[in-house]
């Protein structure tokens, strides 16, 4: 049986792993269709971002008032992977 951790456990892991502060900056997106929680202050400027759809069903969130794909691209474009010289 496949088991998944709660989202809160995953976010807590990444906050701890990246050394971010535990207080999030919270924003409402797309007229309430989603929320964004940003945890900053991590090692080497890292941050953890959680976006939660607050409207919609079990489909890819695009018709619920925001474009999930656009938000993902915004995150990855703003957080480019850098080479780790230790590897």
Protein backbone atom coordinates (compact mmCIF):
# COMPACT_ATOMS: atom_id res chain seq x y z
CA UNK A 1 0.00 0.00 0.00
CA UNK A 2 1.35 3.39 -1.01
CA UNK A 3 1.31 5.95 1.80
CA UNK A 4 1.89 9.68 1.54
CA UNK A 5 2.98 12.06 4.26
CA UNK A 6 0.75 15.03 5.03
CA UNK A 7 1.75 18.21 3.18
CA UNK A 8 2.52 19.85 6.53
CA UNK A 9 5.17 17.17 7.22
CA UNK A 10 6.79 17.71 3.82
CA UNK A 11 6.86 21.48 4.25
CA UNK A 12 8.29 21.12 7.77
CA UNK A 13 11.05 18.86 6.39
CA UNK A 14 12.07 21.40 3.72
CA UNK A 15 11.91 24.34 6.13
CA UNK A 16 14.21 22.48 8.51
CA UNK A 17 16.49 21.12 5.75
CA UNK A 18 16.95 24.57 4.18
CA UNK A 19 17.27 26.39 7.50
CA UNK A 20 14.33 28.72 6.83
CA UNK A 21 12.46 30.68 9.48
CA UNK A 22 9.24 29.14 10.77
CA UNK A 23 7.06 32.21 10.16
CA UNK A 24 5.59 32.38 6.67
CA UNK A 25 4.67 35.44 4.62
CA UNK A 26 1.07 34.66 3.60
CA UNK A 27 -0.62 35.98 0.47
CA UNK A 28 -4.00 35.49 -1.15
CA UNK A 29 -3.81 34.88 -4.91
CA UNK A 30 -6.29 35.18 -7.76
CA UNK A 31 -9.13 36.73 -5.76
CA UNK A 32 -9.02 33.98 -3.14
CA UNK A 33 -8.58 31.02 -5.50
CA UNK A 34 -5.24 30.15 -3.87
CA UNK A 35 -2.92 31.07 -1.02
CA UNK A 36 0.88 31.26 -0.99
CA UNK A 37 3.02 30.74 2.12
CA UNK A 38 6.69 31.69 1.75
CA UNK A 39 9.30 30.69 4.32
CA UNK A 40 12.52 32.68 3.88
CA UNK A 41 15.94 33.07 5.48
CA UNK A 42 17.29 29.70 4.43
CA UNK A 43 20.87 28.67 3.71
CA UNK A 44 22.32 30.43 0.66
CA UNK A 45 19.09 32.41 0.21
CA UNK A 46 16.82 29.38 -0.13
CA UNK A 47 13.12 29.60 0.61
CA UNK A 48 10.21 27.19 0.78
CA UNK A 49 6.93 28.07 -0.93
CA UNK A 50 3.57 26.34 -0.49
CA UNK A 51 0.71 27.24 -2.81
CA UNK A 52 -2.69 25.86 -1.88
CA UNK A 53 -5.73 25.89 -4.17
CA UNK A 54 -8.70 27.03 -2.11
CA UNK A 55 -11.30 26.52 -4.83
CA UNK A 56 -11.81 23.82 -7.40
CA UNK A 57 -11.97 20.07 -7.45
CA UNK A 58 -9.54 17.34 -8.35
CA UNK A 59 -8.48 18.70 -11.72
CA UNK A 60 -5.30 20.59 -12.60
CA UNK A 61 -5.89 24.07 -11.14
CA UNK A 62 -6.38 26.40 -14.07
CA UNK A 63 -10.08 27.06 -14.25
CA UNK A 64 -10.30 27.69 -10.51
CA UNK A 65 -9.12 31.27 -10.94
CA UNK A 66 -5.37 30.83 -11.35
CA UNK A 67 -2.95 28.94 -13.55
CA UNK A 68 -0.96 26.38 -11.55
CA UNK A 69 1.50 25.97 -14.41
CA UNK A 70 2.25 29.71 -14.43
CA UNK A 71 2.84 29.73 -10.66
CA UNK A 72 5.19 26.75 -10.94
CA UNK A 73 7.15 28.41 -13.73
CA UNK A 74 7.35 31.64 -11.69
CA UNK A 75 8.84 29.66 -8.79
CA UNK A 76 11.40 27.72 -10.86
CA UNK A 77 12.42 30.79 -12.88
CA UNK A 78 13.06 32.67 -9.63
CA UNK A 79 14.97 29.77 -8.06
CA UNK A 80 17.41 28.45 -10.67
CA UNK A 81 19.42 25.36 -9.73
CA UNK A 82 23.06 26.14 -9.26
CA UNK A 83 25.94 23.72 -9.54
CA UNK A 84 27.14 22.33 -6.23
CA UNK A 85 30.95 22.48 -6.27
CA UNK A 86 31.10 19.89 -3.47
CA UNK A 87 29.70 17.16 -5.73
